[in-house]
Amino acid sequence: QVQVVESGGGLVQPGGSLRLSCAASGTILRINVMGWYRPTPGKQRELVASFVTGGRWDYADSVKGRFTISRDYAKNMVYLQMNSLEPEDTAVYYCYADVREGSRWSVVYWGQGTQVTVSS
């Protein structure tokens, strides 16, 4: 079994910064991808950022230039540095880990989510 735990959410004023952390632990042979999603009005969810093992990363157009995703391979962690936050960034941010577990090459696990609120 694999656990995914997020931390670092909170309340911040527009223009401020927050750093989210996410740790994956358990019976992990290899992490394929780690990243962050958030629900958005009118959409089921939006991929905020992802980091593929090996060094490829992707961002939603709405956060490019403001958010940065990074990985700590040794600790099975991923971080999301969020700068220049806007009220539209307010959401629960969910971390996910796509892992190789036993004989299964790709299994996705989700965290419980961490609330980010951008408001003056």
Protein backbone atom coordinates (compact mmCIF):
# COMPACT_ATOMS: atom_id res chain seq x y z
CA GLN A 1 0.00 0.00 0.00
CA VAL A 2 1.10 3.54 -0.72
CA GLN A 3 0.30 6.70 1.19
CA VAL A 4 0.39 10.21 -0.22
CA VAL A 5 0.36 13.11 2.22
CA GLU A 6 0.28 16.81 1.39
CA SER A 7 1.15 19.80 3.55
CA GLY A 8 1.73 23.51 3.26
CA GLY A 9 -1.64 24.98 2.36
CA GLY A 10 -3.09 28.03 4.02
CA LEU A 11 -4.37 31.55 3.65
CA VAL A 12 -2.31 34.10 1.73
CA GLN A 13 -2.92 37.54 0.32
CA PRO A 14 -2.96 38.15 -3.44
CA GLY A 15 0.57 38.43 -4.72
CA GLY A 16 1.89 36.23 -1.94
CA SER A 17 3.60 32.85 -2.00
CA LEU A 18 3.07 29.38 -0.61
CA ARG A 19 5.01 26.16 -0.88
CA LEU A 20 3.19 22.85 -0.94
CA SER A 21 4.90 19.59 -0.08
CA CYS A 22 3.86 16.04 -0.85
CA ALA A 23 5.39 12.79 0.34
CA ALA A 24 4.77 9.31 -1.00
CA SER A 25 5.60 6.29 1.12
CA GLY A 26 4.96 2.56 1.22
CA THR A 27 5.59 -0.31 -1.16
CA ILE A 28 7.03 1.77 -3.97
CA LEU A 29 9.42 0.25 -6.47
CA ARG A 30 9.60 3.35 -8.60
CA ILE A 31 7.77 6.64 -8.88
CA ASN A 32 6.78 7.34 -12.47
CA VAL A 33 5.16 10.75 -11.98
CA MET A 34 4.23 13.03 -9.12
CA GLY A 35 2.14 16.12 -9.45
CA TRP A 36 -0.74 18.30 -8.38
CA TYR A 37 -4.36 18.72 -9.47
CA ARG A 38 -7.01 21.16 -8.42
CA PRO A 39 -10.73 21.34 -9.19
CA THR A 40 -11.86 24.32 -11.22
CA PRO A 41 -15.30 25.77 -11.98
CA GLY A 42 -16.72 24.11 -15.04
CA LYS A 43 -14.08 21.39 -15.14
CA GLN A 44 -13.70 18.18 -13.28
CA ARG A 45 -10.13 19.02 -12.37
CA GLU A 46 -7.08 20.76 -13.73
CA LEU A 47 -3.56 19.43 -13.84
CA VAL A 48 -1.58 22.17 -12.14
CA ALA A 49 1.88 20.68 -12.55
CA SER A 50 3.56 17.32 -12.91
CA PHE A 51 7.10 16.02 -12.75
CA VAL A 52 8.01 12.87 -14.63
CA THR A 53 10.94 10.89 -13.27
CA GLY A 54 13.86 11.67 -15.50
CA GLY A 55 13.29 15.40 -15.61
CA ARG A 56 10.22 16.29 -17.68
CA TRP A 57 7.67 18.62 -16.18
CA ASP A 58 4.40 20.15 -17.33
CA TYR A 59 2.33 23.10 -16.16
CA ALA A 60 -1.17 24.38 -16.71
CA ASP A 61 -1.12 27.53 -18.83
CA SER A 62 -2.75 29.41 -15.97
CA VAL A 63 0.24 28.87 -13.66
CA LYS A 64 3.19 29.03 -16.03
CA GLY A 65 5.75 31.55 -14.86
CA ARG A 66 4.28 31.63 -11.35
CA PHE A 67 4.45 28.05 -10.07
CA THR A 68 7.47 25.76 -9.98
CA ILE A 69 7.40 22.03 -9.33
CA SER A 70 10.43 20.18 -8.02
CA ARG A 71 11.26 16.66 -6.86
CA ASP A 72 13.36 15.13 -4.14
CA TYR A 73 13.99 11.65 -5.50
CA ALA A 74 15.65 10.35 -2.36
CA LYS A 75 12.69 11.27 -0.17
CA ASN A 76 9.93 10.48 -2.70
CA MET A 77 8.69 14.03 -2.36
CA VAL A 78 7.41 16.69 -4.69
CA TYR A 79 7.10 20.40 -4.00
CA LEU A 80 5.02 23.14 -5.57
CA GLN A 81 6.35 26.66 -5.11
CA MET A 82 3.51 29.05 -5.82
CA ASN A 83 4.35 32.72 -6.33
CA SER A 84 2.27 35.71 -7.38
CA LEU A 85 -0.84 33.96 -6.14
CA GLU A 86 -4.19 35.14 -7.39
CA PRO A 87 -7.69 34.68 -5.94
CA GLU A 88 -8.38 32.34 -8.87
CA ASP A 89 -5.77 29.98 -7.44
CA THR A 90 -7.99 29.31 -4.45
CA ALA A 91 -8.74 25.59 -4.37
CA VAL A 92 -8.00 22.33 -2.67
CA TYR A 93 -4.76 21.04 -4.16
CA TYR A 94 -4.46 17.29 -4.51
CA CYS A 95 -1.14 15.54 -4.85
CA TYR A 96 -0.86 12.30 -6.77
CA ALA A 97 1.82 9.71 -7.25
CA ASP A 98 1.91 7.33 -10.19
CA VAL A 99 4.05 4.46 -8.98
CA ARG A 100 5.32 1.05 -9.91
CA GLU A 101 4.15 -1.29 -7.17
CA GLY A 102 4.96 -4.99 -7.23
CA SER A 103 4.01 -6.40 -10.62
CA ARG A 104 1.91 -3.38 -11.50
CA TRP A 105 3.72 -0.82 -13.61
CA SER A 106 1.42 2.13 -13.03
CA VAL A 107 -0.86 2.69 -10.06
CA VAL A 108 -2.09 6.14 -9.06
CA TYR A 109 -2.50 7.17 -5.45
CA TRP A 110 -4.00 10.40 -4.20
CA GLY A 111 -3.54 12.52 -1.13
CA GLN A 112 -6.37 13.99 0.93
CA GLY A 113 -5.80 17.49 -0.38
CA THR A 114 -4.60 20.73 1.13
CA GLN A 115 -6.59 23.97 1.03
CA VAL A 116 -5.06 27.06 -0.54
CA THR A 117 -6.99 30.29 -0.08
CA VAL A 118 -5.89 33.53 -1.72
CA SER A 119 -7.77 36.47 -0.28
CA SER A 120 -7.20 39.93 1.14
